[in-house]
Amino acid sequence: MSAGHHFDRDELDPDQHHRTVLRLVQELGARLRTSGEITQALALTVTYADRTQTTRSRSLTEATAHTPALATTARELLTSLGLQRARVRTLALRAERLRPAEHTVHQLTFDDRDRKLRRLETALDRAATRYGPGITGAASTFPQAG
């Protein structure tokens, strides 16, 4: 399962790369949860202006469809590429080694934050189902007023 974004022009801005990867994580996480699946690994592919590609993949500490966990790994993948002035044309994020969500094993903690984030994620998924994709998400993923 994958999500991708093709820029209209060569994108040099690392902040835009990070916003785009976060948007892809949100899309991919929602699709995983909707399909009842979890992923054990993520792969990020960057296509440059000259059409060459670089791919990095990383296993997750625990299989999940939880957006914050996916975002942490996706940010690490992007940062590991060191794209300071790269002319990026396309970013694609792929969930690998999918499993049914009922096989999820989640480490319980005394921190209530994770439980709240999961409840919020469920509410955002319901809103997206009702009003359409792209209606919710992290503020940094929405176009900036200029």
N, C-alpha and C. Protein backbone atom coordinates (compact mmCIF):
# COMPACT_ATOMS: atom_id res chain seq x y z
N MET A 1 0.86 -1.16 0.00
CA MET A 1 0.00 0.00 0.00
C MET A 1 0.90 1.22 0.00
N SER A 2 0.58 2.22 -0.83
CA SER A 2 1.45 3.38 -0.91
C SER A 2 0.65 4.65 -1.13
N ALA A 3 1.32 5.77 -0.89
CA ALA A 3 0.77 7.10 -1.14
C ALA A 3 1.90 7.93 -1.73
N GLY A 4 1.59 8.77 -2.69
CA GLY A 4 2.63 9.55 -3.33
C GLY A 4 2.16 10.95 -3.66
N HIS A 5 3.14 11.83 -3.88
CA HIS A 5 2.85 13.21 -4.28
C HIS A 5 3.84 13.64 -5.34
N HIS A 6 3.33 14.16 -6.45
CA HIS A 6 4.15 14.68 -7.53
C HIS A 6 4.08 16.20 -7.47
N PHE A 7 5.22 16.85 -7.30
CA PHE A 7 5.25 18.31 -7.26
C PHE A 7 5.10 18.87 -8.67
N ASP A 8 4.45 20.03 -8.78
CA ASP A 8 4.26 20.67 -10.09
C ASP A 8 5.57 21.16 -10.69
N ARG A 9 6.53 21.46 -9.81
CA ARG A 9 7.85 21.92 -10.24
C ARG A 9 8.88 21.29 -9.31
N ASP A 10 10.13 21.42 -9.64
CA ASP A 10 11.18 20.89 -8.77
C ASP A 10 11.07 21.56 -7.41
N GLU A 11 10.97 20.76 -6.36
CA GLU A 11 10.80 21.31 -5.01
C GLU A 11 12.14 21.24 -4.27
N LEU A 12 12.66 22.41 -3.91
CA LEU A 12 13.95 22.51 -3.23
C LEU A 12 13.81 22.70 -1.73
N ASP A 13 12.64 23.08 -1.26
CA ASP A 13 12.42 23.46 0.14
C ASP A 13 12.29 22.22 1.04
N PRO A 14 13.25 22.01 1.96
CA PRO A 14 13.17 20.86 2.87
C PRO A 14 11.92 20.89 3.75
N ASP A 15 11.45 22.08 4.11
CA ASP A 15 10.22 22.16 4.91
C ASP A 15 9.03 21.63 4.12
N GLN A 16 9.00 21.93 2.84
CA GLN A 16 7.92 21.41 1.98
C GLN A 16 8.03 19.90 1.85
N HIS A 17 9.24 19.38 1.80
CA HIS A 17 9.43 17.92 1.75
C HIS A 17 8.84 17.29 3.01
N HIS A 18 9.14 17.89 4.18
CA HIS A 18 8.64 17.35 5.45
C HIS A 18 7.11 17.44 5.54
N ARG A 19 6.54 18.58 5.11
CA ARG A 19 5.07 18.72 5.13
C ARG A 19 4.42 17.67 4.24
N THR A 20 5.02 17.45 3.08
CA THR A 20 4.47 16.48 2.13
C THR A 20 4.54 15.06 2.68
N VAL A 21 5.67 14.70 3.28
CA VAL A 21 5.79 13.37 3.87
C VAL A 21 4.78 13.18 4.99
N LEU A 22 4.56 14.21 5.80
CA LEU A 22 3.55 14.11 6.86
C LEU A 22 2.16 13.92 6.27
N ARG A 23 1.86 14.61 5.19
CA ARG A 23 0.56 14.45 4.52
C ARG A 23 0.43 13.01 3.99
N LEU A 24 1.51 12.47 3.43
CA LEU A 24 1.49 11.08 2.93
C LEU A 24 1.29 10.10 4.08
N VAL A 25 1.92 10.36 5.22
CA VAL A 25 1.75 9.50 6.41
C VAL A 25 0.30 9.50 6.85
N GLN A 26 -0.31 10.68 6.88
CA GLN A 26 -1.72 10.76 7.30
C GLN A 26 -2.61 9.99 6.35
N GLU A 27 -2.37 10.12 5.06
CA GLU A 27 -3.16 9.39 4.06
C GLU A 27 -2.95 7.89 4.20
N LEU A 28 -1.71 7.48 4.30
CA LEU A 28 -1.40 6.05 4.40
C LEU A 28 -1.95 5.45 5.69
N GLY A 29 -1.80 6.15 6.81
CA GLY A 29 -2.33 5.67 8.08
C GLY A 29 -3.84 5.48 8.03
N ALA A 30 -4.54 6.46 7.45
CA ALA A 30 -6.00 6.36 7.34
C ALA A 30 -6.40 5.18 6.46
N ARG A 31 -5.68 4.97 5.36
CA ARG A 31 -5.99 3.85 4.48
C ARG A 31 -5.73 2.51 5.16
N LEU A 32 -4.65 2.44 5.93
CA LEU A 32 -4.37 1.21 6.67
C LEU A 32 -5.48 0.91 7.66
N ARG A 33 -5.89 1.93 8.43
CA ARG A 33 -6.94 1.72 9.43
C ARG A 33 -8.27 1.37 8.77
N THR A 34 -8.59 2.01 7.65
CA THR A 34 -9.83 1.73 6.94
C THR A 34 -9.86 0.29 6.41
N SER A 35 -8.71 -0.18 5.95
CA SER A 35 -8.65 -1.54 5.40
C SER A 35 -8.41 -2.60 6.47
N GLY A 36 -8.23 -2.16 7.72
CA GLY A 36 -8.04 -3.11 8.80
C GLY A 36 -6.67 -3.78 8.78
N GLU A 37 -5.65 -3.01 8.38
CA GLU A 37 -4.30 -3.57 8.29
C GLU A 37 -3.32 -2.76 9.12
N ILE A 38 -2.18 -3.36 9.42
CA ILE A 38 -1.07 -2.69 10.07
C ILE A 38 0.18 -2.96 9.22
N THR A 39 1.18 -2.13 9.39
CA THR A 39 2.41 -2.29 8.63
C THR A 39 3.58 -2.53 9.58
N GLN A 40 4.52 -3.30 9.11
CA GLN A 40 5.71 -3.60 9.90
C GLN A 40 6.92 -2.77 9.45
N ALA A 41 6.80 -2.10 8.28
CA ALA A 41 7.91 -1.31 7.76
C ALA A 41 7.40 -0.23 6.82
N LEU A 42 8.19 0.83 6.68
CA LEU A 42 7.90 1.90 5.73
C LEU A 42 9.08 2.06 4.78
N ALA A 43 8.78 2.45 3.55
CA ALA A 43 9.81 2.77 2.56
C ALA A 43 9.47 4.12 1.95
N LEU A 44 10.47 4.98 1.85
CA LEU A 44 10.30 6.30 1.25
C LEU A 44 11.13 6.34 -0.03
N THR A 45 10.48 6.71 -1.13
CA THR A 45 11.17 6.85 -2.41
C THR A 45 11.11 8.30 -2.85
N VAL A 46 12.26 8.84 -3.20
CA VAL A 46 12.37 10.21 -3.69
C VAL A 46 12.78 10.14 -5.15
N THR A 47 12.02 10.81 -6.01
CA THR A 47 12.38 10.93 -7.42
C THR A 47 12.84 12.36 -7.64
N TYR A 48 14.01 12.50 -8.23
CA TYR A 48 14.61 13.82 -8.44
C TYR A 48 14.26 14.36 -9.82
N ALA A 49 14.62 15.60 -10.07
CA ALA A 49 14.31 16.26 -11.34
C ALA A 49 14.88 15.51 -12.53
N ASP A 50 16.03 14.85 -12.36
CA ASP A 50 16.64 14.10 -13.47
C ASP A 50 16.09 12.68 -13.58
N ARG A 51 15.03 12.39 -12.82
CA ARG A 51 14.30 11.11 -12.81
C ARG A 51 15.05 9.97 -12.11
N THR A 52 16.17 10.25 -11.48
CA THR A 52 16.81 9.22 -10.66
C THR A 52 16.03 9.11 -9.36
N GLN A 53 16.19 7.98 -8.70
CA GLN A 53 15.45 7.72 -7.46
C GLN A 53 16.37 7.23 -6.36
N THR A 54 15.95 7.54 -5.14
CA THR A 54 16.59 7.00 -3.95
C THR A 54 15.48 6.43 -3.07
N THR A 55 15.68 5.23 -2.55
CA THR A 55 14.70 4.60 -1.66
C THR A 55 15.38 4.21 -0.36
N ARG A 56 14.72 4.50 0.73
CA ARG A 56 15.17 4.07 2.05
C ARG A 56 14.00 3.38 2.72
N SER A 57 14.29 2.30 3.47
CA SER A 57 13.22 1.61 4.20
C SER A 57 13.68 1.36 5.62
N ARG A 58 12.70 1.20 6.49
CA ARG A 58 13.01 0.98 7.90
C ARG A 58 11.87 0.18 8.53
N SER A 59 12.24 -0.78 9.36
CA SER A 59 11.25 -1.54 10.12
C SER A 59 10.77 -0.70 11.29
N LEU A 60 9.50 -0.88 11.63
CA LEU A 60 8.93 -0.19 12.78
C LEU A 60 9.22 -0.97 14.05
N THR A 61 9.25 -0.30 15.19
CA THR A 61 9.49 -1.01 16.45
C THR A 61 8.34 -1.94 16.78
N GLU A 62 7.13 -1.55 16.40
CA GLU A 62 5.97 -2.46 16.50
C GLU A 62 5.07 -2.18 15.32
N ALA A 63 4.48 -3.23 14.77
CA ALA A 63 3.58 -3.09 13.63
C ALA A 63 2.40 -2.22 14.03
N THR A 64 2.03 -1.27 13.16
CA THR A 64 1.00 -0.31 13.54
C THR A 64 0.37 0.34 12.31
N ALA A 65 -0.73 1.04 12.54
CA ALA A 65 -1.35 1.94 11.58
C ALA A 65 -1.54 3.31 12.24
N HIS A 66 -0.91 3.50 13.39
CA HIS A 66 -1.04 4.71 14.21
C HIS A 66 -0.19 5.83 13.59
N THR A 67 -0.82 6.91 13.20
CA THR A 67 -0.15 7.99 12.48
C THR A 67 1.09 8.54 13.17
N PRO A 68 1.07 8.86 14.48
CA PRO A 68 2.30 9.38 15.10
C PRO A 68 3.50 8.43 15.00
N ALA A 69 3.26 7.15 15.15
CA ALA A 69 4.36 6.17 15.03
C ALA A 69 4.87 6.11 13.60
N LEU A 70 3.96 6.15 12.63
CA LEU A 70 4.36 6.15 11.23
C LEU A 70 5.11 7.43 10.89
N ALA A 71 4.65 8.55 11.43
CA ALA A 71 5.28 9.85 11.14
C ALA A 71 6.71 9.90 11.67
N THR A 72 6.94 9.34 12.84
CA THR A 72 8.29 9.33 13.40
C THR A 72 9.25 8.59 12.47
N THR A 73 8.85 7.43 12.01
CA THR A 73 9.70 6.64 11.12
C THR A 73 9.87 7.33 9.78
N ALA A 74 8.80 7.89 9.23
CA ALA A 74 8.88 8.56 7.93
C ALA A 74 9.80 9.78 8.00
N ARG A 75 9.73 10.54 9.10
CA ARG A 75 10.64 11.69 9.26
C ARG A 75 12.09 11.23 9.35
N GLU A 76 12.33 10.13 10.05
CA GLU A 76 13.70 9.59 10.14
C GLU A 76 14.21 9.18 8.75
N LEU A 77 13.35 8.57 7.95
CA LEU A 77 13.74 8.18 6.60
C LEU A 77 14.10 9.41 5.76
N LEU A 78 13.25 10.42 5.82
CA LEU A 78 13.50 11.63 5.04
C LEU A 78 14.78 12.33 5.49
N THR A 79 14.95 12.45 6.78
CA THR A 79 16.14 13.10 7.31
C THR A 79 17.41 12.35 6.93
N SER A 80 17.34 11.01 6.90
CA SER A 80 18.52 10.20 6.57
C SER A 80 18.98 10.43 5.13
N LEU A 81 18.10 10.96 4.28
CA LEU A 81 18.48 11.21 2.89
C LEU A 81 19.29 12.49 2.72
N GLY A 82 19.20 13.42 3.68
CA GLY A 82 19.97 14.66 3.61
C GLY A 82 19.69 15.48 2.37
N LEU A 83 18.44 15.80 2.12
CA LEU A 83 18.02 16.50 0.90
C LEU A 83 18.08 18.03 1.03
N GLN A 84 19.17 18.60 1.49
CA GLN A 84 19.22 20.03 1.73
C GLN A 84 18.84 20.87 0.50
N ARG A 85 19.44 20.62 -0.64
CA ARG A 85 19.15 21.40 -1.85
C ARG A 85 18.79 20.50 -3.02
N ALA A 86 18.22 19.36 -2.74
CA ALA A 86 17.86 18.43 -3.80
C ALA A 86 16.64 18.94 -4.56
N ARG A 87 16.64 18.73 -5.85
CA ARG A 87 15.51 19.10 -6.70
C ARG A 87 14.57 17.90 -6.75
N VAL A 88 13.60 17.88 -5.86
CA VAL A 88 12.69 16.74 -5.70
C VAL A 88 11.47 16.94 -6.59
N ARG A 89 11.12 15.88 -7.31
CA ARG A 89 9.94 15.92 -8.16
C ARG A 89 8.79 15.12 -7.57
N THR A 90 9.10 13.95 -6.94
CA THR A 90 8.06 13.09 -6.39
C THR A 90 8.53 12.48 -5.07
N LEU A 91 7.58 12.38 -4.13
CA LEU A 91 7.82 11.65 -2.88
C LEU A 91 6.77 10.56 -2.79
N ALA A 92 7.18 9.35 -2.46
CA ALA A 92 6.24 8.24 -2.31
C ALA A 92 6.58 7.48 -1.03
N LEU A 93 5.54 7.16 -0.28
CA LEU A 93 5.69 6.42 0.97
C LEU A 93 4.93 5.10 0.83
N ARG A 94 5.60 4.01 1.14
CA ARG A 94 5.00 2.68 0.97
C ARG A 94 5.00 1.93 2.30
N ALA A 95 3.86 1.36 2.64
CA ALA A 95 3.74 0.47 3.80
C ALA A 95 4.09 -0.93 3.33
N GLU A 96 4.99 -1.57 4.06
CA GLU A 96 5.47 -2.90 3.67
C GLU A 96 5.17 -3.92 4.75
N ARG A 97 5.15 -5.17 4.34
CA ARG A 97 4.89 -6.29 5.26
C ARG A 97 3.60 -6.05 6.05
N LEU A 98 2.50 -5.94 5.31
CA LEU A 98 1.20 -5.70 5.92
C LEU A 98 0.68 -6.96 6.61
N ARG A 99 -0.06 -6.74 7.67
CA ARG A 99 -0.72 -7.81 8.43
C ARG A 99 -2.10 -7.34 8.83
N PRO A 100 -3.01 -8.27 9.13
CA PRO A 100 -4.33 -7.88 9.63
C PRO A 100 -4.19 -7.13 10.97
N ALA A 101 -5.01 -6.11 11.15
CA ALA A 101 -4.94 -5.28 12.36
C ALA A 101 -5.21 -6.05 13.64
N GLU A 102 -5.94 -7.16 13.56
CA GLU A 102 -6.20 -7.93 14.78
C GLU A 102 -4.92 -8.56 15.35
N HIS A 103 -3.83 -8.54 14.56
CA HIS A 103 -2.55 -9.04 15.06
C HIS A 103 -1.73 -7.96 15.76
N THR A 104 -2.34 -6.80 15.97
CA THR A 104 -1.64 -5.70 16.62
C THR A 104 -1.30 -6.04 18.06
N VAL A 105 -0.06 -5.77 18.41
CA VAL A 105 0.38 -5.88 19.79
C VAL A 105 0.85 -4.49 20.16
N HIS A 106 0.27 -3.92 21.20
CA HIS A 106 0.61 -2.55 21.58
C HIS A 106 1.10 -2.53 23.01
N GLN A 107 2.27 -1.93 23.20
CA GLN A 107 2.85 -1.81 24.54
C GLN A 107 2.03 -0.81 25.35
N LEU A 108 1.47 -1.24 26.45
CA LEU A 108 0.71 -0.36 27.32
C LEU A 108 1.66 0.48 28.16
N THR A 109 1.24 1.73 28.41
CA THR A 109 2.05 2.63 29.24
C THR A 109 1.14 3.32 30.24
N PHE A 110 1.76 3.98 31.20
CA PHE A 110 1.00 4.78 32.14
C PHE A 110 0.70 6.18 31.59
N ASP A 111 1.31 6.51 30.45
CA ASP A 111 1.11 7.80 29.80
C ASP A 111 -0.24 7.79 29.08
N ASP A 112 -1.11 8.71 29.45
CA ASP A 112 -2.45 8.78 28.87
C ASP A 112 -2.43 9.44 27.49
N ARG A 113 -1.33 10.05 27.12
CA ARG A 113 -1.26 10.80 25.86
C ARG A 113 -1.52 9.90 24.65
N ASP A 114 -0.91 8.72 24.63
CA ASP A 114 -1.07 7.83 23.49
C ASP A 114 -2.52 7.39 23.32
N ARG A 115 -3.18 7.08 24.42
CA ARG A 115 -4.59 6.67 24.35
C ARG A 115 -5.44 7.81 23.77
N LYS A 116 -5.16 9.04 24.20
CA LYS A 116 -5.89 10.20 23.70
C LYS A 116 -5.64 10.42 22.21
N LEU A 117 -4.39 10.25 21.80
CA LEU A 117 -4.06 10.40 20.38
C LEU A 117 -4.77 9.35 19.52
N ARG A 118 -4.89 8.15 20.02
CA ARG A 118 -5.59 7.09 19.28
C ARG A 118 -7.09 7.40 19.17
N ARG A 119 -7.66 7.94 20.25
CA ARG A 119 -9.08 8.33 20.20
C ARG A 119 -9.28 9.49 19.22
N LEU A 120 -8.38 10.45 19.24
CA LEU A 120 -8.45 11.57 18.30
C LEU A 120 -8.32 11.07 16.86
N GLU A 121 -7.41 10.15 16.64
CA GLU A 121 -7.21 9.58 15.32
C GLU A 121 -8.49 8.91 14.81
N THR A 122 -9.18 8.20 15.68
CA THR A 122 -10.45 7.56 15.31
C THR A 122 -11.48 8.61 14.92
N ALA A 123 -11.56 9.70 15.68
CA ALA A 123 -12.51 10.78 15.36
C ALA A 123 -12.16 11.45 14.04
N LEU A 124 -10.89 11.66 13.78
CA LEU A 124 -10.46 12.27 12.51
C LEU A 124 -10.76 11.35 11.34
N ASP A 125 -10.58 10.05 11.53
CA ASP A 125 -10.92 9.09 10.47
C ASP A 125 -12.42 9.14 10.15
N ARG A 126 -13.24 9.24 11.19
CA ARG A 126 -14.70 9.35 10.97
C ARG A 126 -15.05 10.62 10.21
N ALA A 127 -14.40 11.74 10.56
CA ALA A 127 -14.65 13.00 9.87
C ALA A 127 -14.25 12.91 8.40
N ALA A 128 -13.11 12.29 8.13
CA ALA A 128 -12.65 12.13 6.75
C ALA A 128 -13.59 11.23 5.96
N THR A 129 -14.12 10.20 6.60
CA THR A 129 -15.07 9.32 5.94
C THR A 129 -16.35 10.08 5.59
N ARG A 130 -16.78 10.92 6.51
CA ARG A 130 -18.03 11.66 6.30
C ARG A 130 -17.88 12.82 5.32
N TYR A 131 -16.77 13.59 5.43
CA TYR A 131 -16.64 14.82 4.65
C TYR A 131 -15.63 14.73 3.52
N GLY A 132 -14.90 13.63 3.45
CA GLY A 132 -13.94 13.44 2.36
C GLY A 132 -12.50 13.56 2.82
N PRO A 133 -11.60 12.94 2.08
CA PRO A 133 -10.19 12.98 2.46
C PRO A 133 -9.65 14.41 2.38
N GLY A 134 -8.66 14.68 3.22
CA GLY A 134 -8.03 16.00 3.22
C GLY A 134 -8.73 17.03 4.06
N ILE A 135 -9.84 16.66 4.71
CA ILE A 135 -10.60 17.60 5.52
C ILE A 135 -9.95 17.80 6.89
N THR A 136 -9.18 16.83 7.34
CA THR A 136 -8.52 16.90 8.64
C THR A 136 -7.05 16.60 8.48
N GLY A 137 -6.29 16.94 9.50
CA GLY A 137 -4.88 16.61 9.50
C GLY A 137 -4.07 17.62 10.27
N ALA A 138 -2.79 17.40 10.34
CA ALA A 138 -1.90 18.32 11.02
C ALA A 138 -1.90 19.65 10.29
N ALA A 139 -1.87 20.74 11.05
CA ALA A 139 -1.92 22.08 10.46
C ALA A 139 -0.80 22.30 9.44
N SER A 140 0.37 21.74 9.70
CA SER A 140 1.50 21.97 8.80
C SER A 140 1.31 21.34 7.43
N THR A 141 0.33 20.45 7.26
CA THR A 141 0.13 19.80 5.98
C THR A 141 -0.80 20.59 5.05
N PHE A 142 -1.46 21.61 5.59
CA PHE A 142 -2.36 22.41 4.77
C PHE A 142 -1.59 23.52 4.08
N PRO A 143 -2.04 23.95 2.89
CA PRO A 143 -1.33 25.02 2.17
C PRO A 143 -1.24 26.28 3.03
N GLN A 144 -0.08 26.92 2.94
CA GLN A 144 0.13 28.13 3.70
C GLN A 144 -0.42 29.33 2.94
N ALA A 145 -1.03 30.25 3.69
CA ALA A 145 -1.52 31.49 3.09
C ALA A 145 -0.31 32.35 2.72
N GLY A 146 -0.31 32.93 1.59
CA GLY A 146 0.87 33.63 1.17
C GLY A 146 0.60 35.01 0.83
